[in-house]
Amino acid sequence: MKQQKVILADQCADIGWSLTEVLAQKHDKRLWSLNGSPAGLPEEVVGQMFARGGASVSYCEGGSALLLMKAAALETLAARNLFGDRVDAINRYLEAQMTILVEHTAEIVDTVRNISPDALERNVNELTKSSILASFFPRVKATFMLELFEHLGRDKLADILMAFSAAPYDYRAGWPDLIVIESGTMSLVEVKTSDKLLDSQLRFAIGIASPMGFACEVVRLKATKGIDV
């Protein structure tokens, strides 16, 4: 019996994400553009679309959220670091630290829940000065992380970290391409061209996005006839 083909629209319906198609110019296998704007990668093109409407946009597949959680938890991550090394706590992936320090999960989450805005800003600036983190997350900006913290607040950020800690290596991937903050609201936007959602993205939708009440959507670029090459 032939297996039924899975399509993006059905996946979105199953997980409660909206799906919007946007006509765009396709220049080659990777580059697209909208309305005569400079060509770029699909996530850049869609991100610029939101930015032109006045939104703040982070193009990093959840990198801003992961580093923000690390910044908020940094004091305990550093204090509990196996090498007694704050720099290691700064540079080591959050999923690795939450796995190594699993017995201290409650303490780490409480650190996030009680972080002061001033301490958070200091830690964010400390993280963004790391050349190692900059190489891992070149698009993450301190200003956006602080704006994200202002939007989420300590309790929400702590709740996200608690959900993340249930399976850190599973939930490190699958975050949508864009985090968009506009008019006091946050949304997560996955950008597609023709492919379907990955297993990691479906896992994120079920394990993180839905329990946290995140507004998520998929924007699929569709080539304008006669323009793509």
N, C-alpha and C. Protein backbone atom coordinates (compact mmCIF):
# COMPACT_ATOMS: atom_id res chain seq x y z
N MET A 1 0.86 -1.21 0.00
CA MET A 1 0.00 0.00 0.00
C MET A 1 0.88 1.24 0.00
N LYS A 2 0.61 2.17 -0.90
CA LYS A 2 1.42 3.37 -1.01
C LYS A 2 1.17 4.29 0.17
N GLN A 3 2.27 4.75 0.78
CA GLN A 3 2.15 5.65 1.93
C GLN A 3 1.73 7.05 1.48
N GLN A 4 0.78 7.63 2.21
CA GLN A 4 0.28 8.96 1.86
C GLN A 4 1.36 10.01 2.10
N LYS A 5 1.53 10.90 1.13
CA LYS A 5 2.55 11.93 1.23
C LYS A 5 2.16 12.98 2.28
N VAL A 6 3.13 13.33 3.12
CA VAL A 6 2.91 14.36 4.13
C VAL A 6 3.16 15.72 3.49
N ILE A 7 2.22 16.64 3.66
CA ILE A 7 2.39 17.97 3.09
C ILE A 7 2.43 19.01 4.21
N LEU A 8 3.06 20.14 3.90
CA LEU A 8 3.28 21.19 4.89
C LEU A 8 1.97 21.69 5.50
N ALA A 9 0.96 21.88 4.67
CA ALA A 9 -0.32 22.41 5.16
C ALA A 9 -0.92 21.51 6.23
N ASP A 10 -0.84 20.20 6.02
CA ASP A 10 -1.39 19.26 7.00
C ASP A 10 -0.58 19.29 8.29
N GLN A 11 0.74 19.39 8.17
CA GLN A 11 1.58 19.47 9.37
C GLN A 11 1.22 20.70 10.19
N CYS A 12 1.08 21.83 9.52
CA CYS A 12 0.75 23.08 10.22
C CYS A 12 -0.60 22.97 10.92
N ALA A 13 -1.56 22.37 10.23
CA ALA A 13 -2.88 22.20 10.83
C ALA A 13 -2.81 21.31 12.07
N ASP A 14 -1.99 20.27 12.00
CA ASP A 14 -1.88 19.33 13.12
C ASP A 14 -1.30 19.98 14.37
N ILE A 15 -0.36 20.91 14.20
CA ILE A 15 0.29 21.52 15.37
C ILE A 15 -0.24 22.92 15.68
N GLY A 16 -1.20 23.39 14.89
CA GLY A 16 -1.83 24.68 15.17
C GLY A 16 -1.03 25.89 14.76
N TRP A 17 -0.15 25.73 13.77
CA TRP A 17 0.61 26.86 13.25
C TRP A 17 -0.05 27.36 11.97
N SER A 18 -0.14 28.67 11.82
CA SER A 18 -0.70 29.22 10.59
C SER A 18 0.31 29.07 9.45
N LEU A 19 -0.20 29.03 8.22
CA LEU A 19 0.65 28.92 7.04
C LEU A 19 0.26 30.03 6.07
N THR A 20 1.26 30.85 5.73
CA THR A 20 1.05 31.96 4.79
C THR A 20 1.99 31.79 3.61
N GLU A 21 1.46 31.95 2.40
CA GLU A 21 2.30 31.90 1.20
C GLU A 21 2.56 33.32 0.71
N VAL A 22 3.81 33.59 0.39
CA VAL A 22 4.21 34.91 -0.07
C VAL A 22 4.89 34.76 -1.43
N LEU A 23 4.39 35.49 -2.41
CA LEU A 23 5.01 35.46 -3.73
C LEU A 23 6.34 36.20 -3.71
N ALA A 24 7.35 35.59 -4.28
CA ALA A 24 8.69 36.18 -4.27
C ALA A 24 9.43 35.78 -5.53
N GLN A 25 10.52 36.47 -5.79
CA GLN A 25 11.35 36.15 -6.94
C GLN A 25 12.43 35.16 -6.52
N LYS A 26 12.54 34.07 -7.25
CA LYS A 26 13.56 33.06 -6.98
C LYS A 26 14.69 33.24 -7.98
N HIS A 27 15.90 33.48 -7.47
CA HIS A 27 17.04 33.77 -8.35
C HIS A 27 17.89 32.54 -8.62
N ASP A 28 18.04 31.68 -7.64
CA ASP A 28 18.73 30.40 -7.82
C ASP A 28 18.27 29.48 -6.70
N LYS A 29 19.01 28.42 -6.43
CA LYS A 29 18.55 27.44 -5.44
C LYS A 29 18.46 28.02 -4.03
N ARG A 30 19.21 29.10 -3.76
CA ARG A 30 19.26 29.63 -2.39
C ARG A 30 18.70 31.04 -2.26
N LEU A 31 18.83 31.87 -3.27
CA LEU A 31 18.55 33.29 -3.14
C LEU A 31 17.16 33.66 -3.67
N TRP A 32 16.49 34.51 -2.88
CA TRP A 32 15.14 35.00 -3.20
C TRP A 32 15.14 36.51 -2.98
N SER A 33 14.09 37.16 -3.46
CA SER A 33 13.90 38.58 -3.16
C SER A 33 12.42 38.91 -3.22
N LEU A 34 12.06 40.03 -2.59
CA LEU A 34 10.68 40.52 -2.56
C LEU A 34 10.62 41.93 -3.12
N ASN A 35 9.76 42.15 -4.08
CA ASN A 35 9.48 43.50 -4.59
C ASN A 35 10.74 44.27 -4.96
N GLY A 36 11.66 43.61 -5.61
CA GLY A 36 12.86 44.30 -6.08
C GLY A 36 13.91 44.55 -5.03
N SER A 37 13.70 44.04 -3.80
CA SER A 37 14.70 44.21 -2.74
C SER A 37 15.92 43.34 -3.04
N PRO A 38 17.07 43.62 -2.41
CA PRO A 38 18.25 42.79 -2.63
C PRO A 38 17.98 41.32 -2.35
N ALA A 39 18.60 40.46 -3.13
CA ALA A 39 18.41 39.03 -2.97
C ALA A 39 19.09 38.53 -1.69
N GLY A 40 18.49 37.53 -1.07
CA GLY A 40 19.06 36.96 0.14
C GLY A 40 18.51 35.58 0.38
N LEU A 41 18.94 34.97 1.48
CA LEU A 41 18.41 33.68 1.86
C LEU A 41 16.94 33.82 2.26
N PRO A 42 16.16 32.77 2.16
CA PRO A 42 14.72 32.87 2.46
C PRO A 42 14.42 33.51 3.81
N GLU A 43 15.15 33.11 4.87
CA GLU A 43 14.85 33.67 6.20
C GLU A 43 15.22 35.15 6.27
N GLU A 44 16.24 35.57 5.51
CA GLU A 44 16.60 36.98 5.48
C GLU A 44 15.52 37.80 4.79
N VAL A 45 15.01 37.26 3.69
CA VAL A 45 13.97 37.96 2.93
C VAL A 45 12.70 38.14 3.76
N VAL A 46 12.28 37.08 4.43
CA VAL A 46 11.07 37.16 5.25
C VAL A 46 11.31 38.03 6.48
N GLY A 47 12.50 37.92 7.07
CA GLY A 47 12.83 38.77 8.21
C GLY A 47 12.79 40.24 7.85
N GLN A 48 13.30 40.58 6.67
CA GLN A 48 13.28 41.97 6.22
C GLN A 48 11.85 42.44 6.00
N MET A 49 10.99 41.54 5.58
CA MET A 49 9.57 41.87 5.40
C MET A 49 8.95 42.30 6.72
N PHE A 50 9.24 41.57 7.79
CA PHE A 50 8.72 41.94 9.10
C PHE A 50 9.39 43.22 9.62
N ALA A 51 10.70 43.34 9.39
CA ALA A 51 11.43 44.52 9.88
C ALA A 51 10.91 45.80 9.23
N ARG A 52 10.56 45.72 7.96
CA ARG A 52 10.03 46.91 7.27
C ARG A 52 8.71 47.36 7.88
N GLY A 53 8.01 46.44 8.53
CA GLY A 53 6.77 46.79 9.21
C GLY A 53 6.99 47.31 10.62
N GLY A 54 8.25 47.44 11.02
CA GLY A 54 8.57 47.99 12.33
C GLY A 54 8.90 46.97 13.41
N ALA A 55 9.00 45.71 13.04
CA ALA A 55 9.29 44.67 14.03
C ALA A 55 10.78 44.55 14.29
N SER A 56 11.11 44.06 15.49
CA SER A 56 12.47 43.64 15.80
C SER A 56 12.57 42.17 15.46
N VAL A 57 13.64 41.80 14.76
CA VAL A 57 13.73 40.43 14.25
C VAL A 57 15.10 39.84 14.58
N SER A 58 15.10 38.60 15.04
CA SER A 58 16.34 37.85 15.26
C SER A 58 16.34 36.65 14.33
N TYR A 59 17.40 36.53 13.53
CA TYR A 59 17.51 35.45 12.54
C TYR A 59 18.46 34.39 13.10
N CYS A 60 18.01 33.52 13.94
CA CYS A 60 19.01 32.65 14.58
C CYS A 60 18.48 31.31 15.06
N GLU A 61 17.32 30.88 14.57
CA GLU A 61 16.78 29.57 14.94
C GLU A 61 16.81 29.34 16.45
N GLY A 62 16.33 30.29 17.20
CA GLY A 62 16.26 30.14 18.65
C GLY A 62 17.51 30.51 19.40
N GLY A 63 18.57 30.89 18.70
CA GLY A 63 19.83 31.21 19.36
C GLY A 63 19.68 32.32 20.39
N SER A 64 18.88 33.32 20.10
CA SER A 64 18.68 34.43 21.05
C SER A 64 18.03 33.93 22.34
N ALA A 65 17.08 33.02 22.22
CA ALA A 65 16.41 32.49 23.41
C ALA A 65 17.35 31.59 24.21
N LEU A 66 18.13 30.77 23.52
CA LEU A 66 19.05 29.86 24.22
C LEU A 66 20.12 30.64 24.97
N LEU A 67 20.68 31.66 24.32
CA LEU A 67 21.71 32.46 25.00
C LEU A 67 21.11 33.31 26.11
N LEU A 68 19.88 33.75 25.93
CA LEU A 68 19.23 34.53 26.99
C LEU A 68 19.03 33.66 28.22
N MET A 69 18.61 32.42 28.03
CA MET A 69 18.45 31.53 29.18
C MET A 69 19.80 31.29 29.86
N LYS A 70 20.85 31.12 29.07
CA LYS A 70 22.17 30.92 29.65
C LYS A 70 22.61 32.16 30.44
N ALA A 71 22.37 33.35 29.88
CA ALA A 71 22.74 34.58 30.58
C ALA A 71 22.00 34.71 31.90
N ALA A 72 20.72 34.37 31.90
CA ALA A 72 19.94 34.49 33.13
C ALA A 72 20.34 33.46 34.17
N ALA A 73 20.86 32.32 33.73
CA ALA A 73 21.25 31.25 34.65
C ALA A 73 22.74 31.24 34.95
N LEU A 74 23.47 32.21 34.43
CA LEU A 74 24.92 32.13 34.42
C LEU A 74 25.55 32.00 35.80
N GLU A 75 25.03 32.70 36.80
CA GLU A 75 25.67 32.65 38.11
C GLU A 75 25.70 31.23 38.66
N THR A 76 24.61 30.50 38.52
CA THR A 76 24.60 29.13 39.01
C THR A 76 25.35 28.19 38.07
N LEU A 77 25.26 28.41 36.77
CA LEU A 77 26.03 27.59 35.83
C LEU A 77 27.53 27.71 36.12
N ALA A 78 27.96 28.93 36.43
CA ALA A 78 29.38 29.15 36.75
C ALA A 78 29.74 28.55 38.11
N ALA A 79 28.88 28.74 39.09
CA ALA A 79 29.16 28.22 40.43
C ALA A 79 29.21 26.70 40.45
N ARG A 80 28.40 26.07 39.60
CA ARG A 80 28.33 24.61 39.56
C ARG A 80 29.21 24.01 38.46
N ASN A 81 29.93 24.83 37.73
CA ASN A 81 30.78 24.34 36.64
C ASN A 81 31.78 23.32 37.17
N LEU A 82 31.91 22.20 36.47
CA LEU A 82 32.76 21.11 36.93
C LEU A 82 34.23 21.51 37.03
N PHE A 83 34.62 22.51 36.26
CA PHE A 83 36.01 22.97 36.27
C PHE A 83 36.20 24.23 37.10
N GLY A 84 35.12 24.70 37.73
CA GLY A 84 35.20 25.95 38.46
C GLY A 84 35.57 27.11 37.57
N ASP A 85 35.09 27.08 36.33
CA ASP A 85 35.54 28.01 35.29
C ASP A 85 34.34 28.77 34.71
N ARG A 86 34.24 30.05 35.01
CA ARG A 86 33.13 30.85 34.49
C ARG A 86 33.19 30.95 32.97
N VAL A 87 34.38 31.04 32.41
CA VAL A 87 34.51 31.14 30.95
C VAL A 87 33.96 29.87 30.29
N ASP A 88 34.23 28.73 30.88
CA ASP A 88 33.67 27.49 30.35
C ASP A 88 32.14 27.51 30.41
N ALA A 89 31.60 28.04 31.50
CA ALA A 89 30.14 28.14 31.63
C ALA A 89 29.56 29.08 30.58
N ILE A 90 30.31 30.10 30.22
CA ILE A 90 29.86 31.03 29.17
C ILE A 90 29.86 30.35 27.81
N ASN A 91 30.94 29.62 27.52
CA ASN A 91 31.14 29.11 26.16
C ASN A 91 30.49 27.76 25.89
N ARG A 92 30.30 26.97 26.91
CA ARG A 92 29.76 25.61 26.70
C ARG A 92 28.28 25.70 26.33
N TYR A 93 27.86 24.84 25.40
CA TYR A 93 26.45 24.82 24.98
C TYR A 93 25.53 24.62 26.17
N LEU A 94 24.40 25.30 26.15
CA LEU A 94 23.45 25.20 27.26
C LEU A 94 22.92 23.78 27.41
N GLU A 95 22.67 23.09 26.31
CA GLU A 95 22.14 21.72 26.41
C GLU A 95 23.13 20.80 27.12
N ALA A 96 24.44 21.03 26.91
CA ALA A 96 25.44 20.22 27.60
C ALA A 96 25.44 20.51 29.09
N GLN A 97 25.34 21.79 29.44
CA GLN A 97 25.37 22.15 30.86
C GLN A 97 24.13 21.66 31.60
N MET A 98 22.96 21.75 30.95
CA MET A 98 21.74 21.29 31.60
C MET A 98 21.73 19.78 31.76
N THR A 99 22.47 19.08 30.90
CA THR A 99 22.59 17.62 31.02
C THR A 99 23.59 17.25 32.12
N ILE A 100 24.73 17.90 32.11
CA ILE A 100 25.76 17.62 33.12
C ILE A 100 25.25 17.97 34.52
N LEU A 101 24.52 19.08 34.61
CA LEU A 101 24.07 19.59 35.91
C LEU A 101 22.60 19.25 36.19
N VAL A 102 22.15 18.12 35.66
CA VAL A 102 20.73 17.77 35.77
C VAL A 102 20.25 17.75 37.22
N GLU A 103 21.11 17.35 38.15
CA GLU A 103 20.69 17.31 39.55
C GLU A 103 20.48 18.70 40.14
N HIS A 104 20.94 19.73 39.43
CA HIS A 104 20.80 21.11 39.91
C HIS A 104 19.79 21.91 39.08
N THR A 105 18.95 21.19 38.34
CA THR A 105 17.99 21.86 37.46
C THR A 105 17.13 22.86 38.21
N ALA A 106 16.58 22.47 39.33
CA ALA A 106 15.70 23.37 40.08
C ALA A 106 16.43 24.64 40.51
N GLU A 107 17.68 24.49 40.95
CA GLU A 107 18.47 25.65 41.36
C GLU A 107 18.75 26.57 40.17
N ILE A 108 19.07 25.98 39.02
CA ILE A 108 19.36 26.78 37.82
C ILE A 108 18.12 27.54 37.38
N VAL A 109 16.99 26.86 37.37
CA VAL A 109 15.73 27.52 36.97
C VAL A 109 15.37 28.62 37.95
N ASP A 110 15.57 28.39 39.24
CA ASP A 110 15.29 29.43 40.24
C ASP A 110 16.19 30.65 40.05
N THR A 111 17.41 30.42 39.60
CA THR A 111 18.31 31.54 39.32
C THR A 111 17.73 32.43 38.24
N VAL A 112 17.16 31.82 37.21
CA VAL A 112 16.51 32.59 36.14
C VAL A 112 15.30 33.32 36.69
N ARG A 113 14.55 32.66 37.52
CA ARG A 113 13.30 33.24 38.04
C ARG A 113 13.57 34.45 38.95
N ASN A 114 14.79 34.54 39.49
CA ASN A 114 15.10 35.62 40.43
C ASN A 114 16.14 36.61 39.92
N ILE A 115 16.54 36.49 38.65
CA ILE A 115 17.56 37.38 38.11
C ILE A 115 17.04 38.83 38.07
N SER A 116 17.88 39.77 38.41
CA SER A 116 17.50 41.18 38.31
C SER A 116 17.81 41.68 36.90
N PRO A 117 17.09 42.69 36.44
CA PRO A 117 17.37 43.23 35.10
C PRO A 117 18.82 43.69 34.94
N ASP A 118 19.38 44.31 35.98
CA ASP A 118 20.76 44.78 35.88
C ASP A 118 21.74 43.61 35.75
N ALA A 119 21.53 42.56 36.55
CA ALA A 119 22.40 41.40 36.48
C ALA A 119 22.26 40.70 35.14
N LEU A 120 21.04 40.65 34.65
CA LEU A 120 20.81 40.03 33.34
C LEU A 120 21.55 40.79 32.25
N GLU A 121 21.48 42.11 32.29
CA GLU A 121 22.16 42.91 31.28
C GLU A 121 23.67 42.71 31.33
N ARG A 122 24.22 42.65 32.53
CA ARG A 122 25.66 42.41 32.67
C ARG A 122 26.04 41.06 32.07
N ASN A 123 25.25 40.04 32.35
CA ASN A 123 25.56 38.71 31.85
C ASN A 123 25.40 38.62 30.33
N VAL A 124 24.38 39.28 29.81
CA VAL A 124 24.19 39.30 28.35
C VAL A 124 25.41 39.93 27.69
N ASN A 125 25.85 41.06 28.22
CA ASN A 125 27.02 41.73 27.64
C ASN A 125 28.27 40.86 27.75
N GLU A 126 28.37 40.11 28.85
CA GLU A 126 29.51 39.21 29.02
C GLU A 126 29.49 38.10 27.97
N LEU A 127 28.32 37.55 27.71
CA LEU A 127 28.20 36.49 26.71
C LEU A 127 28.50 37.00 25.30
N THR A 128 28.01 38.19 24.99
CA THR A 128 28.19 38.68 23.63
C THR A 128 29.63 39.12 23.35
N LYS A 129 30.46 39.21 24.39
CA LYS A 129 31.88 39.50 24.18
C LYS A 129 32.70 38.25 23.90
N SER A 130 32.08 37.08 24.02
CA SER A 130 32.79 35.83 23.78
C SER A 130 32.95 35.59 22.28
N SER A 131 34.18 35.45 21.83
CA SER A 131 34.42 35.19 20.41
C SER A 131 33.93 33.80 20.01
N ILE A 132 33.97 32.87 20.96
CA ILE A 132 33.48 31.51 20.67
C ILE A 132 31.98 31.53 20.43
N LEU A 133 31.23 32.20 21.31
CA LEU A 133 29.78 32.29 21.12
C LEU A 133 29.45 33.06 19.84
N ALA A 134 30.24 34.08 19.54
CA ALA A 134 30.01 34.86 18.32
C ALA A 134 30.17 33.99 17.08
N SER A 135 31.09 33.02 17.14
CA SER A 135 31.27 32.13 16.00
C SER A 135 30.13 31.12 15.89
N PHE A 136 29.56 30.73 17.03
CA PHE A 136 28.43 29.80 17.04
C PHE A 136 27.12 30.50 16.67
N PHE A 137 26.96 31.72 17.15
CA PHE A 137 25.71 32.46 16.97
C PHE A 137 26.00 33.86 16.41
N PRO A 138 26.45 33.95 15.19
CA PRO A 138 26.90 35.25 14.65
C PRO A 138 25.79 36.29 14.53
N ARG A 139 24.54 35.85 14.49
CA ARG A 139 23.44 36.80 14.29
C ARG A 139 22.77 37.23 15.59
N VAL A 140 23.18 36.67 16.71
CA VAL A 140 22.57 37.04 17.99
C VAL A 140 23.14 38.36 18.47
N LYS A 141 22.23 39.28 18.83
CA LYS A 141 22.62 40.62 19.28
C LYS A 141 22.15 40.86 20.71
N ALA A 142 22.99 41.54 21.49
CA ALA A 142 22.65 41.84 22.89
C ALA A 142 21.37 42.65 22.98
N THR A 143 21.21 43.63 22.10
CA THR A 143 20.02 44.48 22.17
C THR A 143 18.74 43.68 22.01
N PHE A 144 18.78 42.70 21.09
CA PHE A 144 17.56 41.89 20.89
C PHE A 144 17.33 40.98 22.10
N MET A 145 18.38 40.41 22.64
CA MET A 145 18.22 39.55 23.81
C MET A 145 17.58 40.30 24.97
N LEU A 146 18.00 41.53 25.18
CA LEU A 146 17.42 42.33 26.27
C LEU A 146 15.96 42.68 25.98
N GLU A 147 15.66 42.95 24.72
CA GLU A 147 14.27 43.21 24.35
C GLU A 147 13.42 41.95 24.55
N LEU A 148 13.98 40.81 24.23
CA LEU A 148 13.28 39.54 24.42
C LEU A 148 13.02 39.29 25.90
N PHE A 149 14.00 39.59 26.74
CA PHE A 149 13.82 39.42 28.18
C PHE A 149 12.73 40.34 28.70
N GLU A 150 12.72 41.56 28.22
CA GLU A 150 11.68 42.52 28.63
C GLU A 150 10.30 42.01 28.25
N HIS A 151 10.21 41.37 27.09
CA HIS A 151 8.92 40.85 26.63
C HIS A 151 8.50 39.61 27.43
N LEU A 152 9.44 38.67 27.62
CA LEU A 152 9.09 37.41 28.26
C LEU A 152 8.95 37.54 29.77
N GLY A 153 9.86 38.26 30.39
CA GLY A 153 9.89 38.34 31.84
C GLY A 153 10.59 37.13 32.45
N ARG A 154 10.94 37.24 33.72
CA ARG A 154 11.73 36.19 34.38
C ARG A 154 10.98 34.88 34.50
N ASP A 155 9.72 34.94 34.89
CA ASP A 155 8.98 33.70 35.13
C ASP A 155 8.79 32.91 33.84
N LYS A 156 8.44 33.59 32.77
CA LYS A 156 8.24 32.90 31.50
C LYS A 156 9.55 32.30 31.02
N LEU A 157 10.64 33.05 31.14
CA LEU A 157 11.94 32.54 30.72
C LEU A 157 12.32 31.31 31.55
N ALA A 158 12.04 31.35 32.84
CA ALA A 158 12.32 30.20 33.70
C ALA A 158 11.47 29.00 33.29
N ASP A 159 10.22 29.24 32.94
CA ASP A 159 9.35 28.15 32.50
C ASP A 159 9.87 27.52 31.20
N ILE A 160 10.38 28.35 30.31
CA ILE A 160 10.94 27.82 29.05
C ILE A 160 12.16 26.97 29.35
N LEU A 161 13.01 27.44 30.25
CA LEU A 161 14.20 26.66 30.59
C LEU A 161 13.82 25.34 31.25
N MET A 162 12.80 25.33 32.07
CA MET A 162 12.35 24.08 32.70
C MET A 162 11.86 23.10 31.64
N ALA A 163 11.08 23.60 30.67
CA ALA A 163 10.62 22.73 29.59
C ALA A 163 11.79 22.23 28.76
N PHE A 164 12.75 23.11 28.48
CA PHE A 164 13.94 22.76 27.72
C PHE A 164 14.75 21.68 28.42
N SER A 165 14.83 21.77 29.75
CA SER A 165 15.66 20.86 30.53
C SER A 165 15.14 19.43 30.52
N ALA A 166 13.89 19.23 30.11
CA ALA A 166 13.34 17.88 30.06
C ALA A 166 14.06 17.03 29.01
N ALA A 167 14.57 17.66 27.96
CA ALA A 167 15.30 16.94 26.90
C ALA A 167 16.19 17.93 26.15
N PRO A 168 17.26 18.40 26.79
CA PRO A 168 18.05 19.51 26.23
C PRO A 168 18.59 19.25 24.83
N TYR A 169 19.05 18.04 24.57
CA TYR A 169 19.63 17.76 23.25
C TYR A 169 18.56 17.61 22.18
N ASP A 170 17.34 17.29 22.57
CA ASP A 170 16.23 17.27 21.62
C ASP A 170 15.77 18.69 21.31
N TYR A 171 15.67 19.53 22.34
CA TYR A 171 15.08 20.85 22.17
C TYR A 171 16.07 21.94 21.78
N ARG A 172 17.36 21.58 21.61
CA ARG A 172 18.31 22.57 21.11
C ARG A 172 18.03 22.89 19.65
N ALA A 173 17.41 21.95 18.92
CA ALA A 173 17.10 22.12 17.51
C ALA A 173 15.59 22.24 17.33
N GLY A 174 15.19 22.69 16.16
CA GLY A 174 13.77 22.75 15.83
C GLY A 174 13.13 24.10 16.06
N TRP A 175 13.88 25.05 16.65
CA TRP A 175 13.32 26.39 16.81
C TRP A 175 13.09 27.03 15.44
N PRO A 176 12.01 27.75 15.26
CA PRO A 176 11.78 28.43 13.97
C PRO A 176 12.89 29.41 13.64
N ASP A 177 12.99 29.75 12.36
CA ASP A 177 14.08 30.59 11.87
C ASP A 177 14.12 31.96 12.54
N LEU A 178 12.95 32.55 12.77
CA LEU A 178 12.89 33.95 13.21
C LEU A 178 12.16 34.08 14.54
N ILE A 179 12.66 34.97 15.39
CA ILE A 179 11.90 35.47 16.53
C ILE A 179 11.53 36.91 16.20
N VAL A 180 10.25 37.21 16.23
CA VAL A 180 9.75 38.52 15.81
C VAL A 180 9.02 39.17 16.98
N ILE A 181 9.43 40.37 17.33
CA ILE A 181 8.75 41.14 18.38
C ILE A 181 8.18 42.40 17.73
N GLU A 182 6.89 42.55 17.84
CA GLU A 182 6.22 43.68 17.20
C GLU A 182 5.00 44.10 18.02
N SER A 183 4.92 45.38 18.35
CA SER A 183 3.77 45.93 19.08
C SER A 183 3.49 45.17 20.36
N GLY A 184 4.57 44.81 21.07
CA GLY A 184 4.40 44.16 22.36
C GLY A 184 4.09 42.68 22.30
N THR A 185 4.09 42.09 21.13
CA THR A 185 3.82 40.66 20.99
C THR A 185 5.01 39.96 20.34
N MET A 186 5.18 38.70 20.66
CA MET A 186 6.27 37.90 20.10
C MET A 186 5.70 36.76 19.29
N SER A 187 6.31 36.48 18.16
CA SER A 187 5.94 35.31 17.37
C SER A 187 7.20 34.63 16.88
N LEU A 188 7.08 33.35 16.62
CA LEU A 188 8.16 32.55 16.05
C LEU A 188 7.75 32.19 14.63
N VAL A 189 8.65 32.44 13.70
CA VAL A 189 8.32 32.27 12.29
C VAL A 189 9.29 31.31 11.62
N GLU A 190 8.77 30.23 11.09
CA GLU A 190 9.57 29.30 10.30
C GLU A 190 9.39 29.65 8.82
N VAL A 191 10.49 29.70 8.11
CA VAL A 191 10.47 30.07 6.69
C VAL A 191 10.72 28.83 5.85
N LYS A 192 9.83 28.58 4.91
CA LYS A 192 9.96 27.43 4.03
C LYS A 192 9.87 27.88 2.56
N THR A 193 10.36 27.02 1.70
CA THR A 193 10.20 27.25 0.25
C THR A 193 9.30 26.14 -0.31
N SER A 194 9.75 24.91 -0.23
CA SER A 194 8.91 23.82 -0.73
C SER A 194 8.89 22.60 0.19
N ASP A 195 9.84 22.53 1.13
CA ASP A 195 9.96 21.34 1.96
C ASP A 195 8.97 21.34 3.11
N LYS A 196 8.90 20.22 3.81
CA LYS A 196 7.99 20.10 4.95
C LYS A 196 8.75 20.33 6.25
N LEU A 197 8.01 20.39 7.35
CA LEU A 197 8.63 20.58 8.66
C LEU A 197 9.42 19.33 9.05
N LEU A 198 10.57 19.56 9.67
CA LEU A 198 11.42 18.47 10.11
C LEU A 198 10.90 17.86 11.41
N ASP A 199 11.37 16.66 11.71
CA ASP A 199 10.97 16.01 12.96
C ASP A 199 11.33 16.88 14.17
N SER A 200 12.51 17.51 14.12
CA SER A 200 12.93 18.36 15.25
C SER A 200 11.99 19.55 15.42
N GLN A 201 11.46 20.07 14.32
CA GLN A 201 10.53 21.19 14.39
C GLN A 201 9.19 20.77 14.95
N LEU A 202 8.74 19.59 14.59
CA LEU A 202 7.49 19.07 15.14
C LEU A 202 7.65 18.78 16.63
N ARG A 203 8.81 18.27 17.00
CA ARG A 203 9.09 17.99 18.41
C ARG A 203 9.10 19.29 19.22
N PHE A 204 9.72 20.34 18.67
CA PHE A 204 9.72 21.64 19.34
C PHE A 204 8.30 22.17 19.48
N ALA A 205 7.50 22.03 18.44
CA ALA A 205 6.12 22.52 18.48
C ALA A 205 5.33 21.88 19.61
N ILE A 206 5.52 20.58 19.78
CA ILE A 206 4.76 19.83 20.79
C ILE A 206 5.32 20.03 22.19
N GLY A 207 6.66 20.03 22.30
CA GLY A 207 7.29 20.04 23.61
C GLY A 207 7.56 21.41 24.20
N ILE A 208 7.72 22.42 23.33
CA ILE A 208 8.05 23.76 23.82
C ILE A 208 6.99 24.79 23.42
N ALA A 209 6.75 24.91 22.13
CA ALA A 209 5.88 25.99 21.64
C ALA A 209 4.47 25.91 22.19
N SER A 210 3.88 24.73 22.11
CA SER A 210 2.49 24.59 22.57
C SER A 210 2.35 24.79 24.07
N PRO A 211 3.15 24.12 24.91
CA PRO A 211 3.02 24.34 26.36
C PRO A 211 3.29 25.77 26.78
N MET A 212 4.19 26.46 26.07
CA MET A 212 4.55 27.83 26.42
C MET A 212 3.58 28.86 25.83
N GLY A 213 2.66 28.40 24.99
CA GLY A 213 1.68 29.31 24.40
C GLY A 213 2.27 30.25 23.36
N PHE A 214 3.34 29.83 22.71
CA PHE A 214 3.97 30.68 21.70
C PHE A 214 3.09 30.79 20.46
N ALA A 215 3.04 31.98 19.90
CA ALA A 215 2.38 32.19 18.61
C ALA A 215 3.39 31.84 17.53
N CYS A 216 3.11 30.80 16.76
CA CYS A 216 4.04 30.32 15.74
C CYS A 216 3.35 30.31 14.38
N GLU A 217 4.14 30.55 13.36
CA GLU A 217 3.61 30.49 12.01
C GLU A 217 4.68 30.06 11.03
N VAL A 218 4.23 29.62 9.87
CA VAL A 218 5.12 29.27 8.78
C VAL A 218 4.84 30.21 7.62
N VAL A 219 5.90 30.80 7.08
CA VAL A 219 5.79 31.60 5.86
C VAL A 219 6.51 30.83 4.75
N ARG A 220 5.76 30.48 3.72
CA ARG A 220 6.36 29.76 2.61
C ARG A 220 6.48 30.68 1.40
N LEU A 221 7.71 30.82 0.93
CA LEU A 221 7.95 31.61 -0.27
C LEU A 221 7.57 30.79 -1.50
N LYS A 222 6.83 31.41 -2.38
CA LYS A 222 6.40 30.76 -3.61
C LYS A 222 6.88 31.57 -4.80
N ALA A 223 7.60 30.91 -5.70
CA ALA A 223 8.20 31.62 -6.83
C ALA A 223 7.16 32.20 -7.76
N THR A 224 7.34 33.46 -8.10
CA THR A 224 6.47 34.12 -9.07
C THR A 224 6.76 33.54 -10.44
N LYS A 225 5.74 33.16 -11.17
CA LYS A 225 5.93 32.54 -12.48
C LYS A 225 6.63 33.49 -13.44
N GLY A 226 7.58 32.92 -14.16
CA GLY A 226 8.27 33.71 -15.16
C GLY A 226 9.47 34.47 -14.63
N ILE A 227 9.68 34.44 -13.29
CA ILE A 227 10.80 35.20 -12.70
C ILE A 227 11.91 34.27 -12.26
N ASP A 228 11.53 33.10 -11.70
CA ASP A 228 12.57 32.21 -11.17
C ASP A 228 13.43 31.65 -12.31
N VAL A 229 14.68 31.35 -12.00
CA VAL A 229 15.61 30.87 -13.01
C VAL A 229 16.19 29.55 -12.59
